[in-house]
Amino acid sequence: MRAVHATEFGGPEVLSVHEVPEPVAGPGQVVVDVAAADVMFLDVQLRSGWGAEFFQIEPPYVPGGAVAGVVASVGPDVDPSWVGKRVVTDTAASGIGGGQPIGGYAEQALAKAETLVAVPEALSLSAAVALAHDGRTALAIFDRAAIRPGEWVIITAAGGGLGTLLIQLARAAGANVVAAARGSAKLELAARLGANAVVDYSESDWSAKARAATGGAGAEVVLDGAGGALGAGAIEAAVDGGRFIGYGAAAGQFADIDREALVARGIGVLGLFDLTGQGDIDWLALVERALADAAAGRLEVVIGQSFPLEQADRAHLTIESRAALGRTLLTV
């Protein structure tokens, strides 16, 4: 079968397609015929060599943490009724210390049976894999934010996969949204999805404009997918006593914040690992909920760009250059 290899750590050019043996399902595993694979910002970071202290990855390896497709075969201890079913799943290679050489950028991928989620017939496999990570994370963030009707919510990185979902969830909850992103295409997308106001954070006074959009009082909730100085700028537009959830590092690192200063302002702070480290979250149930909402038309899944396996380098370059809208996929 064909699979994309990261032959070494480096730029997008290290990605190339190779013929490799078909995977064989071991105990607790299945083989999925891949229709579409998720391409994450994390994939780009790992390919560059970032995160060696957290992720046990050595080139050559096949990137990709989630796929959607049809179960082709199952391991000896897995329910055979999965064979032939449309599923979305993490790959066996996903997760910290996954230790598996084959991810989702391939014609077939290994997955653990325990991570399989059936895809509703009304939903495409591409839409399903676009929700594999973003759907569950958006719902976890939304649930913890406890957004109330009438509140103002600032969402950074609003044109990305998570941001586009959070705009819709916040508006459905009756909140007012200020969407912050870079460039007219992302701002137009955020407005189409229901944002009450949009702000371009390539402008130096964007934080002041975000506060002004709320009527001057500031936002009760900040959902930060950008990180770095942009996340810190978003906090400046928050009200005292508000809530801040920083889940992204699109700017290169998580938000540069002074926690003591935020405590003094009464602003509650949650980071990504405060969310993912919670043992009481049923992540599979969140995926099922996201798929159901999308299948019912309650959530629009924005897939801004799709590439064939042979153009995995272009997919990474699009994300790296901050040109991606919504979710980026590889299709088989």
C-alpha atoms as a PDB file:
ATOM      1  CA  MET A   1       0.000   0.000   0.000  1.00  0.00           C
ATOM      2  CA  ARG A   2       0.969   3.668  -0.295  1.00  0.00           C
ATOM      3  CA  ALA A   3       1.859   5.713   2.758  1.00  0.00           C
ATOM      4  CA  VAL A   4       3.421   9.099   3.381  1.00  0.00           C
ATOM      5  CA  HIS A   5       6.774   8.934   5.134  1.00  0.00           C
ATOM      6  CA  ALA A   6       8.472  11.695   7.064  1.00  0.00           C
ATOM      7  CA  THR A   7      11.922  10.529   6.059  1.00  0.00           C
ATOM      8  CA  GLU A   8      13.646  12.872   8.522  1.00  0.00           C
ATOM      9  CA  PHE A   9      12.827  15.868  10.692  1.00  0.00           C
ATOM     10  CA  GLY A  10      12.647  19.062   8.666  1.00  0.00           C
ATOM     11  CA  GLY A  11      10.447  21.083   6.343  1.00  0.00           C
ATOM     12  CA  PRO A  12       7.441  19.881   4.306  1.00  0.00           C
ATOM     13  CA  GLU A  13       9.817  18.540   1.652  1.00  0.00           C
ATOM     14  CA  VAL A  14      10.722  15.574   3.907  1.00  0.00           C
ATOM     15  CA  LEU A  15       7.250  14.106   3.237  1.00  0.00           C
ATOM     16  CA  SER A  16       7.048  11.633   0.353  1.00  0.00           C
ATOM     17  CA  VAL A  17       4.915   8.640  -0.649  1.00  0.00           C
ATOM     18  CA  HIS A  18       6.385   5.131  -0.377  1.00  0.00           C
ATOM     19  CA  GLU A  19       5.137   1.585  -0.863  1.00  0.00           C
ATOM     20  CA  VAL A  20       4.961  -0.222   2.485  1.00  0.00           C
ATOM     21  CA  PRO A  21       3.541  -3.560   3.663  1.00  0.00           C
ATOM     22  CA  GLU A  22      -0.135  -3.588   4.538  1.00  0.00           C
ATOM     23  CA  PRO A  23      -0.725  -3.448   8.302  1.00  0.00           C
ATOM     24  CA  VAL A  24      -2.000  -6.499  10.149  1.00  0.00           C
ATOM     25  CA  ALA A  25      -4.396  -6.100  13.072  1.00  0.00           C
ATOM     26  CA  GLY A  26      -3.006  -7.384  16.343  1.00  0.00           C
ATOM     27  CA  PRO A  27      -4.865  -7.981  19.622  1.00  0.00           C
ATOM     28  CA  GLY A  28      -7.387  -5.206  20.253  1.00  0.00           C
ATOM     29  CA  GLN A  29      -6.758  -3.644  16.844  1.00  0.00           C
ATOM     30  CA  VAL A  30      -8.476  -3.175  13.503  1.00  0.00           C
ATOM     31  CA  VAL A  31      -7.274  -2.199  10.031  1.00  0.00           C
ATOM     32  CA  VAL A  32      -9.158   0.694   8.426  1.00  0.00           C
ATOM     33  CA  ASP A  33      -9.309   1.341   4.676  1.00  0.00           C
ATOM     34  CA  VAL A  34      -8.683   5.074   4.866  1.00  0.00           C
ATOM     35  CA  ALA A  35     -10.972   7.481   3.006  1.00  0.00           C
ATOM     36  CA  ALA A  36      -9.641  10.639   4.650  1.00  0.00           C
ATOM     37  CA  ALA A  37      -6.969  11.513   7.206  1.00  0.00           C
ATOM     38  CA  ASP A  38      -6.888  14.512   9.510  1.00  0.00           C
ATOM     39  CA  VAL A  39      -3.923  16.898   9.161  1.00  0.00           C
ATOM     40  CA  MET A  40      -3.185  18.766  12.369  1.00  0.00           C
ATOM     41  CA  PHE A  41      -0.922  21.630  13.375  1.00  0.00           C
ATOM     42  CA  LEU A  42       0.625  19.083  15.740  1.00  0.00           C
ATOM     43  CA  ASP A  43       1.607  16.965  12.721  1.00  0.00           C
ATOM     44  CA  VAL A  44       3.479  19.962  11.328  1.00  0.00           C
ATOM     45  CA  GLN A  45       5.264  20.545  14.628  1.00  0.00           C
ATOM     46  CA  LEU A  46       6.286  16.911  15.015  1.00  0.00           C
ATOM     47  CA  ARG A  47       7.571  16.742  11.442  1.00  0.00           C
ATOM     48  CA  SER A  48       9.819  19.726  12.194  1.00  0.00           C
ATOM     49  CA  GLY A  49      11.375  17.888  15.152  1.00  0.00           C
ATOM     50  CA  TRP A  50       9.436  19.628  17.921  1.00  0.00           C
ATOM     51  CA  GLY A  51       8.205  17.661  20.948  1.00  0.00           C
ATOM     52  CA  ALA A  52      10.829  14.913  21.161  1.00  0.00           C
ATOM     53  CA  GLU A  53      10.564  15.063  24.949  1.00  0.00           C
ATOM     54  CA  PHE A  54       6.880  14.161  24.781  1.00  0.00           C
ATOM     55  CA  PHE A  55       6.462  12.032  21.653  1.00  0.00           C
ATOM     56  CA  GLN A  56       8.420   8.859  20.984  1.00  0.00           C
ATOM     57  CA  ILE A  57       8.870   9.403  17.258  1.00  0.00           C
ATOM     58  CA  GLU A  58      11.925   8.681  15.147  1.00  0.00           C
ATOM     59  CA  PRO A  59      12.053   9.043  11.335  1.00  0.00           C
ATOM     60  CA  PRO A  60      11.090   7.454   9.121  1.00  0.00           C
ATOM     61  CA  TYR A  61       7.489   7.363  10.296  1.00  0.00           C
ATOM     62  CA  VAL A  62       3.997   7.798   8.874  1.00  0.00           C
ATOM     63  CA  PRO A  63       2.262  10.854  10.376  1.00  0.00           C
ATOM     64  CA  GLY A  64      -1.423  11.185  11.155  1.00  0.00           C
ATOM     65  CA  GLY A  65      -3.458  10.873  14.335  1.00  0.00           C
ATOM     66  CA  ALA A  66      -7.002  10.270  13.023  1.00  0.00           C
ATOM     67  CA  VAL A  67      -8.715   8.681  10.038  1.00  0.00           C
ATOM     68  CA  ALA A  68     -12.158   7.896   8.713  1.00  0.00           C
ATOM     69  CA  GLY A  69     -12.947   4.963   6.477  1.00  0.00           C
ATOM     70  CA  VAL A  70     -14.253   1.412   6.460  1.00  0.00           C
ATOM     71  CA  VAL A  71     -13.015  -1.363   8.743  1.00  0.00           C
ATOM     72  CA  ALA A  72     -11.247  -3.920   6.552  1.00  0.00           C
ATOM     73  CA  SER A  73     -10.208  -6.501   9.162  1.00  0.00           C
ATOM     74  CA  VAL A  74     -10.039  -7.017  12.901  1.00  0.00           C
ATOM     75  CA  GLY A  75      -7.677  -8.619  15.362  1.00  0.00           C
ATOM     76  CA  PRO A  76      -8.357 -12.046  16.856  1.00  0.00           C
ATOM     77  CA  ASP A  77     -10.127 -10.697  19.957  1.00  0.00           C
ATOM     78  CA  VAL A  78     -12.178  -7.933  18.286  1.00  0.00           C
ATOM     79  CA  ASP A  79     -15.887  -8.149  17.461  1.00  0.00           C
ATOM     80  CA  PRO A  80     -16.001  -9.143  13.746  1.00  0.00           C
ATOM     81  CA  SER A  81     -19.197  -7.158  13.239  1.00  0.00           C
ATOM     82  CA  TRP A  82     -16.999  -4.062  12.887  1.00  0.00           C
ATOM     83  CA  VAL A  83     -15.838  -5.286   9.469  1.00  0.00           C
ATOM     84  CA  GLY A  84     -17.447  -3.209   6.717  1.00  0.00           C
ATOM     85  CA  LYS A  85     -18.599  -0.433   9.041  1.00  0.00           C
ATOM     86  CA  ARG A  86     -17.913   3.263   8.400  1.00  0.00           C
ATOM     87  CA  VAL A  87     -15.874   4.589  11.308  1.00  0.00           C
ATOM     88  CA  VAL A  88     -13.823   7.495  12.523  1.00  0.00           C
ATOM     89  CA  THR A  89     -10.994   6.816  14.939  1.00  0.00           C
ATOM     90  CA  ASP A  90      -7.669   7.818  16.352  1.00  0.00           C
ATOM     91  CA  THR A  91      -4.886   5.828  14.792  1.00  0.00           C
ATOM     92  CA  ALA A  92      -2.903   3.367  16.848  1.00  0.00           C
ATOM     93  CA  ALA A  93       0.027   5.754  16.364  1.00  0.00           C
ATOM     94  CA  SER A  94      -1.728   8.739  17.934  1.00  0.00           C
ATOM     95  CA  GLY A  95      -1.099  10.005  21.433  1.00  0.00           C
ATOM     96  CA  ILE A  96       1.930  10.751  23.537  1.00  0.00           C
ATOM     97  CA  GLY A  97       4.338   7.864  23.443  1.00  0.00           C
ATOM     98  CA  GLY A  98       2.217   5.977  20.923  1.00  0.00           C
ATOM     99  CA  GLY A  99       5.247   4.071  19.772  1.00  0.00           C
ATOM    100  CA  GLN A 100       3.682   2.985  16.470  1.00  0.00           C
ATOM    101  CA  PRO A 101       5.398   3.614  13.102  1.00  0.00           C
ATOM    102  CA  ILE A 102       2.249   3.859  10.934  1.00  0.00           C
ATOM    103  CA  GLY A 103      -0.179   6.746  11.279  1.00  0.00           C
ATOM    104  CA  GLY A 104      -3.086   7.914   9.171  1.00  0.00           C
ATOM    105  CA  TYR A 105      -1.388   9.321   6.066  1.00  0.00           C
ATOM    106  CA  ALA A 106      -1.812   5.994   4.292  1.00  0.00           C
ATOM    107  CA  GLU A 107      -4.212   3.845   2.308  1.00  0.00           C
ATOM    108  CA  GLN A 108      -4.694   1.678   5.394  1.00  0.00           C
ATOM    109  CA  ALA A 109      -4.167   2.441   9.073  1.00  0.00           C
ATOM    110  CA  LEU A 110      -4.151   0.540  12.335  1.00  0.00           C
ATOM    111  CA  ALA A 111      -6.543   1.609  15.075  1.00  0.00           C
ATOM    112  CA  LYS A 112      -7.497   0.347  18.498  1.00  0.00           C
ATOM    113  CA  ALA A 113     -10.966  -1.177  18.581  1.00  0.00           C
ATOM    114  CA  GLU A 114     -11.729   0.813  21.729  1.00  0.00           C
ATOM    115  CA  THR A 115     -11.395   4.131  19.848  1.00  0.00           C
ATOM    116  CA  LEU A 116     -13.777   3.300  16.976  1.00  0.00           C
ATOM    117  CA  VAL A 117     -16.858   5.477  16.531  1.00  0.00           C
ATOM    118  CA  ALA A 118     -19.492   4.606  13.938  1.00  0.00           C
ATOM    119  CA  VAL A 119     -20.190   7.395  11.448  1.00  0.00           C
ATOM    120  CA  PRO A 120     -23.864   8.282  10.859  1.00  0.00           C
ATOM    121  CA  GLU A 121     -25.031   7.545   7.320  1.00  0.00           C
ATOM    122  CA  ALA A 122     -26.028  11.191   6.851  1.00  0.00           C
ATOM    123  CA  LEU A 123     -22.428  12.347   7.388  1.00  0.00           C
ATOM    124  CA  SER A 124     -19.542  12.079   4.956  1.00  0.00           C
ATOM    125  CA  LEU A 125     -16.339  10.381   6.043  1.00  0.00           C
ATOM    126  CA  SER A 126     -14.440  13.595   5.328  1.00  0.00           C
ATOM    127  CA  ALA A 127     -16.682  15.565   7.674  1.00  0.00           C
ATOM    128  CA  ALA A 128     -16.354  12.833  10.293  1.00  0.00           C
ATOM    129  CA  VAL A 129     -12.561  12.893  10.359  1.00  0.00           C
ATOM    130  CA  ALA A 130     -12.622  16.701  10.452  1.00  0.00           C
ATOM    131  CA  LEU A 131     -14.459  16.287  13.770  1.00  0.00           C
ATOM    132  CA  ALA A 132     -12.233  13.528  15.153  1.00  0.00           C
ATOM    133  CA  HIS A 133     -10.109  15.927  17.175  1.00  0.00           C
ATOM    134  CA  ASP A 134     -11.815  19.286  16.774  1.00  0.00           C
ATOM    135  CA  GLY A 135     -15.331  18.089  17.522  1.00  0.00           C
ATOM    136  CA  ARG A 136     -14.540  16.521  20.870  1.00  0.00           C
ATOM    137  CA  THR A 137     -12.174  19.324  21.883  1.00  0.00           C
ATOM    138  CA  ALA A 138     -14.646  22.055  20.926  1.00  0.00           C
ATOM    139  CA  LEU A 139     -17.386  20.420  22.971  1.00  0.00           C
ATOM    140  CA  ALA A 140     -15.081  19.917  25.965  1.00  0.00           C
ATOM    141  CA  ILE A 141     -14.094  23.599  25.824  1.00  0.00           C
ATOM    142  CA  PHE A 142     -17.678  24.719  25.327  1.00  0.00           C
ATOM    143  CA  ASP A 143     -18.947  22.633  28.242  1.00  0.00           C
ATOM    144  CA  ARG A 144     -16.275  23.974  30.613  1.00  0.00           C
ATOM    145  CA  ALA A 145     -16.776  27.571  29.487  1.00  0.00           C
ATOM    146  CA  ALA A 146     -20.424  27.392  30.621  1.00  0.00           C
ATOM    147  CA  ILE A 147     -21.383  30.169  28.206  1.00  0.00           C
ATOM    148  CA  ARG A 148     -24.625  31.942  29.081  1.00  0.00           C
ATOM    149  CA  PRO A 149     -27.089  33.809  26.838  1.00  0.00           C
ATOM    150  CA  GLY A 150     -26.134  37.429  26.309  1.00  0.00           C
ATOM    151  CA  GLU A 151     -22.469  37.014  27.256  1.00  0.00           C
ATOM    152  CA  TRP A 152     -19.709  38.258  24.989  1.00  0.00           C
ATOM    153  CA  VAL A 153     -17.169  35.671  23.857  1.00  0.00           C
ATOM    154  CA  ILE A 154     -13.862  36.415  22.139  1.00  0.00           C
ATOM    155  CA  ILE A 155     -12.541  33.543  20.014  1.00  0.00           C
ATOM    156  CA  THR A 156      -9.015  33.703  18.605  1.00  0.00           C
ATOM    157  CA  ALA A 157      -7.829  31.589  15.670  1.00  0.00           C
ATOM    158  CA  ALA A 158     -11.485  31.820  14.706  1.00  0.00           C
ATOM    159  CA  GLY A 159     -10.930  30.688  11.129  1.00  0.00           C
ATOM    160  CA  GLY A 160      -9.446  27.312  12.089  1.00  0.00           C
ATOM    161  CA  GLY A 161     -11.147  23.990  12.653  1.00  0.00           C
ATOM    162  CA  LEU A 162     -11.777  24.536  16.358  1.00  0.00           C
ATOM    163  CA  GLY A 163     -12.600  28.204  16.028  1.00  0.00           C
ATOM    164  CA  THR A 164     -15.280  27.637  13.390  1.00  0.00           C
ATOM    165  CA  LEU A 165     -17.011  25.098  15.638  1.00  0.00           C
ATOM    166  CA  LEU A 166     -16.769  27.278  18.753  1.00  0.00           C
ATOM    167  CA  ILE A 167     -18.323  30.237  16.955  1.00  0.00           C
ATOM    168  CA  GLN A 168     -21.353  28.097  16.154  1.00  0.00           C
ATOM    169  CA  LEU A 169     -21.599  26.585  19.636  1.00  0.00           C
ATOM    170  CA  ALA A 170     -21.367  29.976  21.352  1.00  0.00           C
ATOM    171  CA  ARG A 171     -23.988  31.518  19.075  1.00  0.00           C
ATOM    172  CA  ALA A 172     -26.310  28.549  19.585  1.00  0.00           C
ATOM    173  CA  ALA A 173     -25.977  29.152  23.332  1.00  0.00           C
ATOM    174  CA  GLY A 174     -27.217  32.717  22.854  1.00  0.00           C
ATOM    175  CA  ALA A 175     -23.858  34.447  23.263  1.00  0.00           C
ATOM    176  CA  ASN A 176     -22.392  37.294  21.225  1.00  0.00           C
ATOM    177  CA  VAL A 177     -19.127  36.454  19.479  1.00  0.00           C
ATOM    178  CA  VAL A 178     -16.113  38.554  18.564  1.00  0.00           C
ATOM    179  CA  ALA A 179     -14.036  36.453  16.175  1.00  0.00           C
ATOM    180  CA  ALA A 180     -10.347  37.284  15.868  1.00  0.00           C
ATOM    181  CA  ALA A 181      -8.264  35.942  12.993  1.00  0.00           C
ATOM    182  CA  ARG A 182      -5.755  37.043  10.378  1.00  0.00           C
ATOM    183  CA  GLY A 183      -6.855  38.011   6.876  1.00  0.00           C
ATOM    184  CA  SER A 184     -10.103  38.747   5.097  1.00  0.00           C
ATOM    185  CA  ALA A 185     -10.891  35.150   4.101  1.00  0.00           C
ATOM    186  CA  LYS A 186     -10.923  33.931   7.704  1.00  0.00           C
ATOM    187  CA  LEU A 187     -12.849  36.967   8.921  1.00  0.00           C
ATOM    188  CA  GLU A 188     -15.473  36.542   6.196  1.00  0.00           C
ATOM    189  CA  LEU A 189     -15.835  32.876   7.139  1.00  0.00           C
ATOM    190  CA  ALA A 190     -16.268  33.752  10.829  1.00  0.00           C
ATOM    191  CA  ALA A 191     -18.929  36.323   9.984  1.00  0.00           C
ATOM    192  CA  ARG A 192     -20.779  33.821   7.780  1.00  0.00           C
ATOM    193  CA  LEU A 193     -20.821  31.334  10.663  1.00  0.00           C
ATOM    194  CA  GLY A 194     -22.522  33.902  12.889  1.00  0.00           C
ATOM    195  CA  ALA A 195     -19.869  36.022  14.598  1.00  0.00           C
ATOM    196  CA  ASN A 196     -21.345  39.376  15.667  1.00  0.00           C
ATOM    197  CA  ALA A 197     -18.046  41.167  15.055  1.00  0.00           C
ATOM    198  CA  VAL A 198     -14.703  40.277  13.492  1.00  0.00           C
ATOM    199  CA  VAL A 199     -11.256  41.693  14.236  1.00  0.00           C
ATOM    200  CA  ASP A 200      -8.024  41.232  12.301  1.00  0.00           C
ATOM    201  CA  TYR A 201      -5.228  40.641  14.782  1.00  0.00           C
ATOM    202  CA  SER A 202      -2.582  41.629  12.291  1.00  0.00           C
ATOM    203  CA  GLU A 203      -3.587  45.178  13.300  1.00  0.00           C
ATOM    204  CA  SER A 204      -1.721  46.567  16.303  1.00  0.00           C
ATOM    205  CA  ASP A 205      -4.854  47.833  18.050  1.00  0.00           C
ATOM    206  CA  TRP A 206      -6.887  44.672  17.528  1.00  0.00           C
ATOM    207  CA  SER A 207      -7.385  44.062  21.263  1.00  0.00           C
ATOM    208  CA  ALA A 208      -8.886  47.518  21.746  1.00  0.00           C
ATOM    209  CA  LYS A 209     -11.136  46.931  18.740  1.00  0.00           C
ATOM    210  CA  ALA A 210     -12.263  43.609  20.233  1.00  0.00           C
ATOM    211  CA  ARG A 211     -13.202  45.331  23.491  1.00  0.00           C
ATOM    212  CA  ALA A 212     -14.962  48.117  21.591  1.00  0.00           C
ATOM    213  CA  ALA A 213     -17.007  45.506  19.716  1.00  0.00           C
ATOM    214  CA  THR A 214     -18.482  44.362  23.043  1.00  0.00           C
ATOM    215  CA  GLY A 215     -19.734  47.889  23.711  1.00  0.00           C
ATOM    216  CA  GLY A 216     -16.614  48.757  25.659  1.00  0.00           C
ATOM    217  CA  ALA A 217     -17.241  46.560  28.696  1.00  0.00           C
ATOM    218  CA  GLY A 218     -15.184  43.589  27.520  1.00  0.00           C
ATOM    219  CA  ALA A 219     -15.882  39.880  27.091  1.00  0.00           C
ATOM    220  CA  GLU A 220     -16.992  37.527  29.830  1.00  0.00           C
ATOM    221  CA  VAL A 221     -15.337  34.580  28.069  1.00  0.00           C
ATOM    222  CA  VAL A 222     -12.099  34.300  26.073  1.00  0.00           C
ATOM    223  CA  LEU A 223     -11.477  31.129  24.079  1.00  0.00           C
ATOM    224  CA  ASP A 224      -7.898  31.298  22.867  1.00  0.00           C
ATOM    225  CA  GLY A 225      -6.717  29.078  20.050  1.00  0.00           C
ATOM    226  CA  ALA A 226      -3.872  31.366  19.004  1.00  0.00           C
ATOM    227  CA  GLY A 227      -1.639  31.493  22.072  1.00  0.00           C
ATOM    228  CA  GLY A 228       1.469  33.599  22.471  1.00  0.00           C
ATOM    229  CA  ALA A 229       1.101  37.375  22.502  1.00  0.00           C
ATOM    230  CA  LEU A 230      -2.237  37.078  20.704  1.00  0.00           C
ATOM    231  CA  GLY A 231      -3.717  35.162  23.622  1.00  0.00           C
ATOM    232  CA  ALA A 232      -2.380  37.779  26.016  1.00  0.00           C
ATOM    233  CA  GLY A 233      -3.960  40.484  23.871  1.00  0.00           C
ATOM    234  CA  ALA A 234      -7.312  38.745  24.018  1.00  0.00           C
ATOM    235  CA  ILE A 235      -7.181  38.737  27.818  1.00  0.00           C
ATOM    236  CA  GLU A 236      -6.805  42.525  27.747  1.00  0.00           C
ATOM    237  CA  ALA A 237     -10.277  42.642  26.219  1.00  0.00           C
ATOM    238  CA  ALA A 238     -11.820  40.503  28.978  1.00  0.00           C
ATOM    239  CA  VAL A 239     -13.888  41.752  31.885  1.00  0.00           C
ATOM    240  CA  ASP A 240     -12.697  41.349  35.461  1.00  0.00           C
ATOM    241  CA  GLY A 241     -14.202  38.148  36.815  1.00  0.00           C
ATOM    242  CA  GLY A 242     -14.325  36.574  33.368  1.00  0.00           C
ATOM    243  CA  ARG A 243     -13.203  33.143  32.144  1.00  0.00           C
ATOM    244  CA  PHE A 244     -10.192  32.340  29.974  1.00  0.00           C
ATOM    245  CA  ILE A 245      -9.562  28.980  28.307  1.00  0.00           C
ATOM    246  CA  GLY A 246      -6.293  28.705  26.384  1.00  0.00           C
ATOM    247  CA  TYR A 247      -6.301  25.586  24.228  1.00  0.00           C
ATOM    248  CA  GLY A 248      -4.136  26.490  21.243  1.00  0.00           C
ATOM    249  CA  ALA A 249      -0.614  27.480  20.300  1.00  0.00           C
ATOM    250  CA  ALA A 250      -0.960  28.477  16.662  1.00  0.00           C
ATOM    251  CA  ALA A 251       1.351  31.430  17.405  1.00  0.00           C
ATOM    252  CA  GLY A 252       4.074  28.984  18.457  1.00  0.00           C
ATOM    253  CA  GLN A 253       3.337  28.667  22.166  1.00  0.00           C
ATOM    254  CA  PHE A 254       0.443  28.883  24.591  1.00  0.00           C
ATOM    255  CA  ALA A 255      -0.735  32.312  25.712  1.00  0.00           C
ATOM    256  CA  ASP A 256       1.876  34.457  27.423  1.00  0.00           C
ATOM    257  CA  ILE A 257      -0.103  35.298  30.553  1.00  0.00           C
ATOM    258  CA  ASP A 258       0.602  36.582  34.045  1.00  0.00           C
ATOM    259  CA  ARG A 259      -1.487  34.238  36.165  1.00  0.00           C
ATOM    260  CA  GLU A 260      -1.056  36.322  39.325  1.00  0.00           C
ATOM    261  CA  ALA A 261      -2.376  39.387  37.513  1.00  0.00           C
ATOM    262  CA  LEU A 262      -5.355  37.395  36.267  1.00  0.00           C
ATOM    263  CA  VAL A 263      -6.083  36.109  39.756  1.00  0.00           C
ATOM    264  CA  ALA A 264      -6.036  39.707  40.952  1.00  0.00           C
ATOM    265  CA  ARG A 265      -8.635  40.504  38.290  1.00  0.00           C
ATOM    266  CA  GLY A 266     -10.703  37.486  39.271  1.00  0.00           C
ATOM    267  CA  ILE A 267     -10.298  35.859  35.872  1.00  0.00           C
ATOM    268  CA  GLY A 268     -10.478  32.073  35.937  1.00  0.00           C
ATOM    269  CA  VAL A 269      -7.830  30.384  33.799  1.00  0.00           C
ATOM    270  CA  LEU A 270      -7.849  26.943  32.229  1.00  0.00           C
ATOM    271  CA  GLY A 271      -5.185  25.551  29.900  1.00  0.00           C
ATOM    272  CA  LEU A 272      -5.355  22.707  27.413  1.00  0.00           C
ATOM    273  CA  PHE A 273      -3.871  20.209  29.835  1.00  0.00           C
ATOM    274  CA  ASP A 274      -6.387  21.247  32.503  1.00  0.00           C
ATOM    275  CA  LEU A 275      -8.992  19.960  30.057  1.00  0.00           C
ATOM    276  CA  THR A 276      -7.264  16.896  28.635  1.00  0.00           C
ATOM    277  CA  GLY A 277      -6.029  15.806  32.062  1.00  0.00           C
ATOM    278  CA  GLN A 278      -9.535  15.422  33.414  1.00  0.00           C
ATOM    279  CA  GLY A 279     -10.295  11.772  33.972  1.00  0.00           C
ATOM    280  CA  ASP A 280     -14.062  12.313  34.012  1.00  0.00           C
ATOM    281  CA  ILE A 281     -14.420  13.357  30.361  1.00  0.00           C
ATOM    282  CA  ASP A 282     -15.846  10.701  28.052  1.00  0.00           C
ATOM    283  CA  TRP A 283     -13.999  11.664  24.874  1.00  0.00           C
ATOM    284  CA  LEU A 284     -15.671   9.020  22.716  1.00  0.00           C
ATOM    285  CA  ALA A 285     -19.081  10.304  23.797  1.00  0.00           C
ATOM    286  CA  LEU A 286     -18.017  13.807  22.762  1.00  0.00           C
ATOM    287  CA  VAL A 287     -17.017  12.521  19.315  1.00  0.00           C
ATOM    288  CA  GLU A 288     -20.408  10.804  18.970  1.00  0.00           C
ATOM    289  CA  ARG A 289     -22.137  14.020  20.038  1.00  0.00           C
ATOM    290  CA  ALA A 290     -20.195  16.091  17.500  1.00  0.00           C
ATOM    291  CA  LEU A 291     -20.966  13.619  14.712  1.00  0.00           C
ATOM    292  CA  ALA A 292     -24.646  13.602  15.633  1.00  0.00           C
ATOM    293  CA  ASP A 293     -24.820  17.424  15.672  1.00  0.00           C
ATOM    294  CA  ALA A 294     -23.142  17.610  12.270  1.00  0.00           C
ATOM    295  CA  ALA A 295     -25.339  14.880  10.788  1.00  0.00           C
ATOM    296  CA  ALA A 296     -28.427  16.732  12.034  1.00  0.00           C
ATOM    297  CA  GLY A 297     -27.253  20.029  10.550  1.00  0.00           C
ATOM    298  CA  ARG A 298     -26.671  21.716  13.905  1.00  0.00           C
ATOM    299  CA  LEU A 299     -22.931  22.092  13.201  1.00  0.00           C
ATOM    300  CA  GLU A 300     -21.325  23.049   9.920  1.00  0.00           C
ATOM    301  CA  VAL A 301     -18.014  21.287   9.343  1.00  0.00           C
ATOM    302  CA  VAL A 302     -15.645  23.598   7.492  1.00  0.00           C
ATOM    303  CA  ILE A 303     -13.111  21.699   5.376  1.00  0.00           C
ATOM    304  CA  GLY A 304     -11.120  24.442   3.776  1.00  0.00           C
ATOM    305  CA  GLN A 305      -8.711  22.316   1.784  1.00  0.00           C
ATOM    306  CA  SER A 306      -8.122  18.667   0.880  1.00  0.00           C
ATOM    307  CA  PHE A 307      -5.079  17.107  -0.752  1.00  0.00           C
ATOM    308  CA  PRO A 308      -4.217  13.633  -2.086  1.00  0.00           C
ATOM    309  CA  LEU A 309      -1.524  11.620  -0.305  1.00  0.00           C
ATOM    310  CA  GLU A 310       1.051  12.720  -2.873  1.00  0.00           C
ATOM    311  CA  GLN A 311       0.546  16.337  -1.809  1.00  0.00           C
ATOM    312  CA  ALA A 312       0.982  15.916   1.935  1.00  0.00           C
ATOM    313  CA  ASP A 313       3.800  18.441   1.719  1.00  0.00           C
ATOM    314  CA  ARG A 314       1.359  21.024   0.347  1.00  0.00           C
ATOM    315  CA  ALA A 315      -1.069  20.286   3.164  1.00  0.00           C
ATOM    316  CA  HIS A 316       1.659  20.947   5.735  1.00  0.00           C
ATOM    317  CA  LEU A 317       2.829  24.063   3.923  1.00  0.00           C
ATOM    318  CA  THR A 318      -0.717  25.444   3.876  1.00  0.00           C
ATOM    319  CA  ILE A 319      -0.997  25.035   7.648  1.00  0.00           C
ATOM    320  CA  GLU A 320       2.519  26.302   8.291  1.00  0.00           C
ATOM    321  CA  SER A 321       1.927  29.446   6.230  1.00  0.00           C
ATOM    322  CA  ARG A 322      -1.279  30.200   8.183  1.00  0.00           C
ATOM    323  CA  ALA A 323      -3.247  30.019   4.916  1.00  0.00           C
ATOM    324  CA  ALA A 324      -5.537  27.151   5.998  1.00  0.00           C
ATOM    325  CA  LEU A 325      -9.258  27.739   6.464  1.00  0.00           C
ATOM    326  CA  GLY A 326     -11.136  25.386   8.755  1.00  0.00           C
ATOM    327  CA  ARG A 327      -9.829  21.826   8.639  1.00  0.00           C
ATOM    328  CA  THR A 328      -7.158  20.384   6.351  1.00  0.00           C
ATOM    329  CA  LEU A 329      -7.461  16.777   5.133  1.00  0.00           C
ATOM    330  CA  LEU A 330      -5.665  14.187   3.062  1.00  0.00           C
ATOM    331  CA  THR A 331      -7.979  12.060   0.919  1.00  0.00           C
ATOM    332  CA  VAL A 332      -7.401   8.565  -0.400  1.00  0.00           C
END
